[in-house]
Amino acid sequence: MSTLMVIAKAPVPGRVKTRLTSRYTPEEAAALAEAALVDTLEAVRATAATRRVLVLDGTPGRWLPSDIEVLPQLARGGLDQRLAAAFAACSGPALLIGMDTPQVTPALLATGLELARGEAVFGPAEDGGFWALGLAESDPALVSGVPMSMPDTGALQRRRLVAAGLTVRDLPVLRDVDTPADARLVADGAPHSRFAAEVTRLAREGAR
């Protein structure tokens, strides 16, 4: 059984993508988050997997496809604990991604899931974090306790995998959408995405 997971917050104004509000309103930041999440879920749906799961902080909305399984983020504590709980809910190979890379493609996810059937696969992010983590055996201890949202989070997570004796295969570096500059660059790199369309719409409205 293979599992493809997306960990995400529901796109609610004021609760999601707050770093975008240096340029956008909370409502606009939430609209961008929703577009990114929809793009990500579409890529997941187009990827062969036994289970396709959204690990969600919040309440599902109209943006959620009916064929995506939803698991609530039940774990208390930091992001590392929430990631660990997501892996604990899996059996067999699992690949976990976030909602911050709307440029991700089904081909890239399929590669990640295939590599995860080995021992471990790691997708580094340009900001020093990671956008994907895959494990052949879903051991929560491989994630729990890793400091998150730090410039060296990715390096620390990868080091944890290596220290456990796992062979780690790397995916390409991707840019997370955290800041307005990130949003523009990701939209430019994925011009046919819903995310890019939303960035363009907001730019046009802002120019009026």
C-alpha atoms as a PDB file:
ATOM      1  CA  MET A   1       0.000   0.000   0.000  1.00  0.00           C
ATOM      2  CA  SER A   2       1.384   3.407  -0.989  1.00  0.00           C
ATOM      3  CA  THR A   3       0.182   6.674   0.491  1.00  0.00           C
ATOM      4  CA  LEU A   4       0.485  10.172  -0.951  1.00  0.00           C
ATOM      5  CA  MET A   5      -0.207  12.843   1.669  1.00  0.00           C
ATOM      6  CA  VAL A   6      -0.654  16.607   1.638  1.00  0.00           C
ATOM      7  CA  ILE A   7      -0.386  18.414   4.973  1.00  0.00           C
ATOM      8  CA  ALA A   8      -2.227  21.715   4.903  1.00  0.00           C
ATOM      9  CA  LYS A   9      -4.192  24.388   6.678  1.00  0.00           C
ATOM     10  CA  ALA A  10      -7.676  25.217   5.474  1.00  0.00           C
ATOM     11  CA  PRO A  11      -7.486  28.478   3.470  1.00  0.00           C
ATOM     12  CA  VAL A  12      -9.103  30.744   6.045  1.00  0.00           C
ATOM     13  CA  PRO A  13      -8.249  34.482   6.074  1.00  0.00           C
ATOM     14  CA  GLY A  14      -5.971  35.382   8.948  1.00  0.00           C
ATOM     15  CA  ARG A  15      -4.969  31.764   9.614  1.00  0.00           C
ATOM     16  CA  VAL A  16      -3.062  30.854   6.486  1.00  0.00           C
ATOM     17  CA  LYS A  17      -0.174  32.371   4.553  1.00  0.00           C
ATOM     18  CA  THR A  18       0.108  35.315   6.914  1.00  0.00           C
ATOM     19  CA  ARG A  19       3.558  36.218   5.558  1.00  0.00           C
ATOM     20  CA  LEU A  20       1.884  37.165   2.292  1.00  0.00           C
ATOM     21  CA  THR A  21      -0.010  39.965   4.025  1.00  0.00           C
ATOM     22  CA  SER A  22       2.929  42.329   3.616  1.00  0.00           C
ATOM     23  CA  ARG A  23       1.485  42.769   0.110  1.00  0.00           C
ATOM     24  CA  TYR A  24      -1.931  41.095   0.111  1.00  0.00           C
ATOM     25  CA  THR A  25      -4.959  41.364   2.374  1.00  0.00           C
ATOM     26  CA  PRO A  26      -5.746  38.333   4.576  1.00  0.00           C
ATOM     27  CA  GLU A  27      -8.575  37.472   2.188  1.00  0.00           C
ATOM     28  CA  GLU A  28      -6.263  37.662  -0.820  1.00  0.00           C
ATOM     29  CA  ALA A  29      -3.618  35.576   0.966  1.00  0.00           C
ATOM     30  CA  ALA A  30      -6.285  32.962   1.691  1.00  0.00           C
ATOM     31  CA  ALA A  31      -7.355  32.989  -1.966  1.00  0.00           C
ATOM     32  CA  LEU A  32      -3.755  32.332  -3.002  1.00  0.00           C
ATOM     33  CA  ALA A  33      -3.513  29.542  -0.429  1.00  0.00           C
ATOM     34  CA  GLU A  34      -6.700  27.960  -1.773  1.00  0.00           C
ATOM     35  CA  ALA A  35      -5.407  28.114  -5.342  1.00  0.00           C
ATOM     36  CA  ALA A  36      -2.118  26.517  -4.279  1.00  0.00           C
ATOM     37  CA  LEU A  37      -3.964  23.786  -2.397  1.00  0.00           C
ATOM     38  CA  VAL A  38      -6.273  23.044  -5.335  1.00  0.00           C
ATOM     39  CA  ASP A  39      -3.301  22.808  -7.717  1.00  0.00           C
ATOM     40  CA  THR A  40      -1.513  20.489  -5.294  1.00  0.00           C
ATOM     41  CA  LEU A  41      -4.529  18.225  -4.828  1.00  0.00           C
ATOM     42  CA  GLU A  42      -5.018  18.028  -8.599  1.00  0.00           C
ATOM     43  CA  ALA A  43      -1.438  16.808  -8.990  1.00  0.00           C
ATOM     44  CA  VAL A  44      -2.012  14.273  -6.219  1.00  0.00           C
ATOM     45  CA  ARG A  45      -5.204  12.995  -7.856  1.00  0.00           C
ATOM     46  CA  ALA A  46      -3.324  12.477 -11.118  1.00  0.00           C
ATOM     47  CA  THR A  47      -0.638  10.370  -9.393  1.00  0.00           C
ATOM     48  CA  ALA A  48      -1.012   6.624  -8.935  1.00  0.00           C
ATOM     49  CA  ALA A  49      -1.244   5.758  -5.218  1.00  0.00           C
ATOM     50  CA  THR A  50      -3.263   3.420  -3.051  1.00  0.00           C
ATOM     51  CA  ARG A  51      -4.308   6.248  -0.732  1.00  0.00           C
ATOM     52  CA  ARG A  52      -4.476   9.976  -1.372  1.00  0.00           C
ATOM     53  CA  VAL A  53      -4.798  11.827   1.913  1.00  0.00           C
ATOM     54  CA  LEU A  54      -5.197  15.435   3.012  1.00  0.00           C
ATOM     55  CA  VAL A  55      -3.921  15.910   6.562  1.00  0.00           C
ATOM     56  CA  LEU A  56      -5.912  19.006   7.386  1.00  0.00           C
ATOM     57  CA  ASP A  57      -5.821  21.680  10.064  1.00  0.00           C
ATOM     58  CA  GLY A  58      -9.314  23.112   9.780  1.00  0.00           C
ATOM     59  CA  THR A  59     -12.576  22.310   8.043  1.00  0.00           C
ATOM     60  CA  PRO A  60     -12.868  21.017   4.457  1.00  0.00           C
ATOM     61  CA  GLY A  61     -14.485  23.384   1.976  1.00  0.00           C
ATOM     62  CA  ARG A  62     -15.827  23.336  -1.570  1.00  0.00           C
ATOM     63  CA  TRP A  63     -12.234  23.179  -2.796  1.00  0.00           C
ATOM     64  CA  LEU A  64     -11.865  19.582  -1.569  1.00  0.00           C
ATOM     65  CA  PRO A  65     -12.370  16.828  -4.197  1.00  0.00           C
ATOM     66  CA  SER A  66     -14.641  14.018  -3.061  1.00  0.00           C
ATOM     67  CA  ASP A  67     -12.036  11.325  -3.761  1.00  0.00           C
ATOM     68  CA  ILE A  68      -9.444  12.706  -1.330  1.00  0.00           C
ATOM     69  CA  GLU A  69      -9.401  11.106   2.116  1.00  0.00           C
ATOM     70  CA  VAL A  70      -9.232  13.622   4.977  1.00  0.00           C
ATOM     71  CA  LEU A  71      -7.387  13.091   8.235  1.00  0.00           C
ATOM     72  CA  PRO A  72      -7.480  15.844  10.860  1.00  0.00           C
ATOM     73  CA  GLN A  73      -4.228  17.118  12.302  1.00  0.00           C
ATOM     74  CA  LEU A  74      -4.804  15.682  15.750  1.00  0.00           C
ATOM     75  CA  ALA A  75      -1.312  15.881  17.191  1.00  0.00           C
ATOM     76  CA  ARG A  76      -0.546  18.669  19.604  1.00  0.00           C
ATOM     77  CA  GLY A  77       2.804  20.372  19.595  1.00  0.00           C
ATOM     78  CA  GLY A  78       4.847  21.682  16.720  1.00  0.00           C
ATOM     79  CA  LEU A  79       4.943  20.889  13.040  1.00  0.00           C
ATOM     80  CA  ASP A  80       7.343  18.020  13.633  1.00  0.00           C
ATOM     81  CA  GLN A  81       4.733  16.309  15.798  1.00  0.00           C
ATOM     82  CA  ARG A  82       2.023  16.845  13.188  1.00  0.00           C
ATOM     83  CA  LEU A  83       4.249  15.367  10.492  1.00  0.00           C
ATOM     84  CA  ALA A  84       5.088  12.435  12.748  1.00  0.00           C
ATOM     85  CA  ALA A  85       1.379  11.804  13.382  1.00  0.00           C
ATOM     86  CA  ALA A  86       0.709  11.857   9.634  1.00  0.00           C
ATOM     87  CA  PHE A  87       3.324   9.177   9.038  1.00  0.00           C
ATOM     88  CA  ALA A  88       1.983   7.180  11.977  1.00  0.00           C
ATOM     89  CA  ALA A  89      -1.332   6.899  10.117  1.00  0.00           C
ATOM     90  CA  CYS A  90       0.358   5.174   7.159  1.00  0.00           C
ATOM     91  CA  SER A  91       1.304   1.609   6.386  1.00  0.00           C
ATOM     92  CA  GLY A  92       3.972   0.969   3.787  1.00  0.00           C
ATOM     93  CA  PRO A  93       5.659   3.553   1.548  1.00  0.00           C
ATOM     94  CA  ALA A  94       4.439   7.112   2.028  1.00  0.00           C
ATOM     95  CA  LEU A  95       5.284  10.467   0.485  1.00  0.00           C
ATOM     96  CA  LEU A  96       4.279  13.638   2.286  1.00  0.00           C
ATOM     97  CA  ILE A  97       4.236  17.102   0.732  1.00  0.00           C
ATOM     98  CA  GLY A  98       2.928  20.498   1.780  1.00  0.00           C
ATOM     99  CA  MET A  99       0.500  22.910   0.129  1.00  0.00           C
ATOM    100  CA  ASP A 100       3.233  25.456  -0.608  1.00  0.00           C
ATOM    101  CA  THR A 101       4.455  24.121  -3.965  1.00  0.00           C
ATOM    102  CA  PRO A 102       1.603  24.507  -6.493  1.00  0.00           C
ATOM    103  CA  GLN A 103       4.152  24.003  -9.271  1.00  0.00           C
ATOM    104  CA  VAL A 104       4.518  20.310  -8.341  1.00  0.00           C
ATOM    105  CA  THR A 105       3.587  17.873 -11.120  1.00  0.00           C
ATOM    106  CA  PRO A 106       2.165  14.345 -11.160  1.00  0.00           C
ATOM    107  CA  ALA A 107       5.391  13.137 -12.787  1.00  0.00           C
ATOM    108  CA  LEU A 108       7.473  14.554  -9.944  1.00  0.00           C
ATOM    109  CA  LEU A 109       5.154  13.071  -7.321  1.00  0.00           C
ATOM    110  CA  ALA A 110       5.246   9.692  -9.059  1.00  0.00           C
ATOM    111  CA  THR A 111       9.043   9.795  -8.993  1.00  0.00           C
ATOM    112  CA  GLY A 112       9.005  10.696  -5.300  1.00  0.00           C
ATOM    113  CA  LEU A 113       6.606   7.910  -4.425  1.00  0.00           C
ATOM    114  CA  GLU A 114       8.635   5.385  -6.405  1.00  0.00           C
ATOM    115  CA  LEU A 115      11.855   6.457  -4.676  1.00  0.00           C
ATOM    116  CA  ALA A 116      10.088   6.264  -1.313  1.00  0.00           C
ATOM    117  CA  ARG A 117       9.660   2.541  -1.919  1.00  0.00           C
ATOM    118  CA  GLY A 118      13.441   2.275  -1.484  1.00  0.00           C
ATOM    119  CA  GLU A 119      14.315   3.658   1.944  1.00  0.00           C
ATOM    120  CA  ALA A 120      13.838   7.433   1.967  1.00  0.00           C
ATOM    121  CA  VAL A 121      13.356  10.320  -0.425  1.00  0.00           C
ATOM    122  CA  PHE A 122      13.885  13.993   0.342  1.00  0.00           C
ATOM    123  CA  GLY A 123      12.737  17.110  -1.505  1.00  0.00           C
ATOM    124  CA  PRO A 124      14.724  20.194  -0.433  1.00  0.00           C
ATOM    125  CA  ALA A 125      13.229  23.675  -0.566  1.00  0.00           C
ATOM    126  CA  GLU A 126      15.099  26.812  -1.565  1.00  0.00           C
ATOM    127  CA  ASP A 127      14.506  28.420   1.835  1.00  0.00           C
ATOM    128  CA  GLY A 128      16.412  25.652   3.640  1.00  0.00           C
ATOM    129  CA  GLY A 129      13.368  23.566   4.532  1.00  0.00           C
ATOM    130  CA  PHE A 130      11.889  20.688   2.586  1.00  0.00           C
ATOM    131  CA  TRP A 131       8.840  20.287   0.388  1.00  0.00           C
ATOM    132  CA  ALA A 132       8.677  16.491   0.302  1.00  0.00           C
ATOM    133  CA  LEU A 133       9.597  13.603   2.574  1.00  0.00           C
ATOM    134  CA  GLY A 134       9.092   9.965   1.699  1.00  0.00           C
ATOM    135  CA  LEU A 135       9.696   6.817   3.718  1.00  0.00           C
ATOM    136  CA  ALA A 136       9.500   3.141   2.802  1.00  0.00           C
ATOM    137  CA  GLU A 137       8.503   2.386   6.386  1.00  0.00           C
ATOM    138  CA  SER A 138       6.543   5.175   8.032  1.00  0.00           C
ATOM    139  CA  ASP A 139       8.495   5.622  11.261  1.00  0.00           C
ATOM    140  CA  PRO A 140       7.300   8.773  13.104  1.00  0.00           C
ATOM    141  CA  ALA A 141      10.579   8.885  15.069  1.00  0.00           C
ATOM    142  CA  LEU A 142      12.378   9.921  11.886  1.00  0.00           C
ATOM    143  CA  VAL A 143      10.542  13.271  11.986  1.00  0.00           C
ATOM    144  CA  SER A 144       9.668  13.895  15.629  1.00  0.00           C
ATOM    145  CA  GLY A 145      12.005  16.351  17.324  1.00  0.00           C
ATOM    146  CA  VAL A 146      13.436  17.902  14.162  1.00  0.00           C
ATOM    147  CA  PRO A 147      13.345  21.721  14.573  1.00  0.00           C
ATOM    148  CA  MET A 148      10.987  23.200  11.993  1.00  0.00           C
ATOM    149  CA  SER A 149      10.815  26.600  10.270  1.00  0.00           C
ATOM    150  CA  MET A 150      14.558  27.150  10.646  1.00  0.00           C
ATOM    151  CA  PRO A 151      17.092  27.984   7.911  1.00  0.00           C
ATOM    152  CA  ASP A 152      18.678  24.553   8.403  1.00  0.00           C
ATOM    153  CA  THR A 153      15.511  22.491   8.917  1.00  0.00           C
ATOM    154  CA  GLY A 154      16.047  20.613   5.671  1.00  0.00           C
ATOM    155  CA  ALA A 155      19.648  19.776   6.483  1.00  0.00           C
ATOM    156  CA  LEU A 156      18.672  18.605   9.969  1.00  0.00           C
ATOM    157  CA  GLN A 157      15.848  16.422   8.645  1.00  0.00           C
ATOM    158  CA  ARG A 158      18.028  14.848   5.987  1.00  0.00           C
ATOM    159  CA  ARG A 159      20.753  14.250   8.573  1.00  0.00           C
ATOM    160  CA  ARG A 160      18.208  12.473  10.765  1.00  0.00           C
ATOM    161  CA  LEU A 161      17.412  10.081   7.917  1.00  0.00           C
ATOM    162  CA  VAL A 162      21.075   9.388   7.204  1.00  0.00           C
ATOM    163  CA  ALA A 163      21.834   8.875  10.902  1.00  0.00           C
ATOM    164  CA  ALA A 164      19.117   6.214  10.967  1.00  0.00           C
ATOM    165  CA  GLY A 165      21.086   4.300   8.355  1.00  0.00           C
ATOM    166  CA  LEU A 166      18.707   5.042   5.486  1.00  0.00           C
ATOM    167  CA  THR A 167      19.746   5.541   1.890  1.00  0.00           C
ATOM    168  CA  VAL A 168      18.308   8.938   0.937  1.00  0.00           C
ATOM    169  CA  ARG A 169      17.445   9.840  -2.642  1.00  0.00           C
ATOM    170  CA  ASP A 170      16.920  13.510  -3.463  1.00  0.00           C
ATOM    171  CA  LEU A 171      14.200  15.197  -5.482  1.00  0.00           C
ATOM    172  CA  PRO A 172      14.755  18.560  -7.217  1.00  0.00           C
ATOM    173  CA  VAL A 173      14.864  21.737  -5.164  1.00  0.00           C
ATOM    174  CA  LEU A 174      11.551  23.630  -5.260  1.00  0.00           C
ATOM    175  CA  ARG A 175      10.527  27.058  -4.015  1.00  0.00           C
ATOM    176  CA  ASP A 176       7.878  27.251  -1.287  1.00  0.00           C
ATOM    177  CA  VAL A 177       5.333  30.054  -1.470  1.00  0.00           C
ATOM    178  CA  ASP A 178       5.961  31.988   1.733  1.00  0.00           C
ATOM    179  CA  THR A 179       6.447  35.590   0.647  1.00  0.00           C
ATOM    180  CA  PRO A 180       5.008  37.821  -2.096  1.00  0.00           C
ATOM    181  CA  ALA A 181       8.288  37.469  -4.004  1.00  0.00           C
ATOM    182  CA  ASP A 182       7.943  33.680  -3.803  1.00  0.00           C
ATOM    183  CA  ALA A 183       4.387  33.937  -5.116  1.00  0.00           C
ATOM    184  CA  ARG A 184       5.484  35.861  -8.199  1.00  0.00           C
ATOM    185  CA  LEU A 185       8.377  33.503  -8.959  1.00  0.00           C
ATOM    186  CA  VAL A 186       6.310  30.340  -8.502  1.00  0.00           C
ATOM    187  CA  ALA A 187       3.511  31.771 -10.653  1.00  0.00           C
ATOM    188  CA  ASP A 188       6.023  32.596 -13.396  1.00  0.00           C
ATOM    189  CA  GLY A 189       7.321  29.029 -13.268  1.00  0.00           C
ATOM    190  CA  ALA A 190       3.840  27.472 -13.443  1.00  0.00           C
ATOM    191  CA  PRO A 191       1.954  29.852 -15.743  1.00  0.00           C
ATOM    192  CA  HIS A 192      -0.974  27.504 -16.416  1.00  0.00           C
ATOM    193  CA  SER A 193      -1.747  26.824 -12.749  1.00  0.00           C
ATOM    194  CA  ARG A 194      -4.699  28.133 -10.773  1.00  0.00           C
ATOM    195  CA  PHE A 195      -2.149  29.743  -8.507  1.00  0.00           C
ATOM    196  CA  ALA A 196      -0.646  31.755 -11.364  1.00  0.00           C
ATOM    197  CA  ALA A 197      -4.119  32.809 -12.484  1.00  0.00           C
ATOM    198  CA  GLU A 198      -4.895  34.041  -8.971  1.00  0.00           C
ATOM    199  CA  VAL A 199      -1.611  35.966  -8.723  1.00  0.00           C
ATOM    200  CA  THR A 200      -2.412  37.603 -12.081  1.00  0.00           C
ATOM    201  CA  ARG A 201      -5.986  38.432 -11.034  1.00  0.00           C
ATOM    202  CA  LEU A 202      -4.859  40.080  -7.814  1.00  0.00           C
ATOM    203  CA  ALA A 203      -2.171  42.062  -9.628  1.00  0.00           C
ATOM    204  CA  ARG A 204      -4.740  43.378 -12.088  1.00  0.00           C
ATOM    205  CA  GLU A 205      -7.153  44.324  -9.327  1.00  0.00           C
ATOM    206  CA  GLY A 206      -4.346  46.041  -7.423  1.00  0.00           C
ATOM    207  CA  ALA A 207      -3.459  48.100 -10.483  1.00  0.00           C
ATOM    208  CA  ARG A 208      -6.923  49.570 -10.800  1.00  0.00           C
END
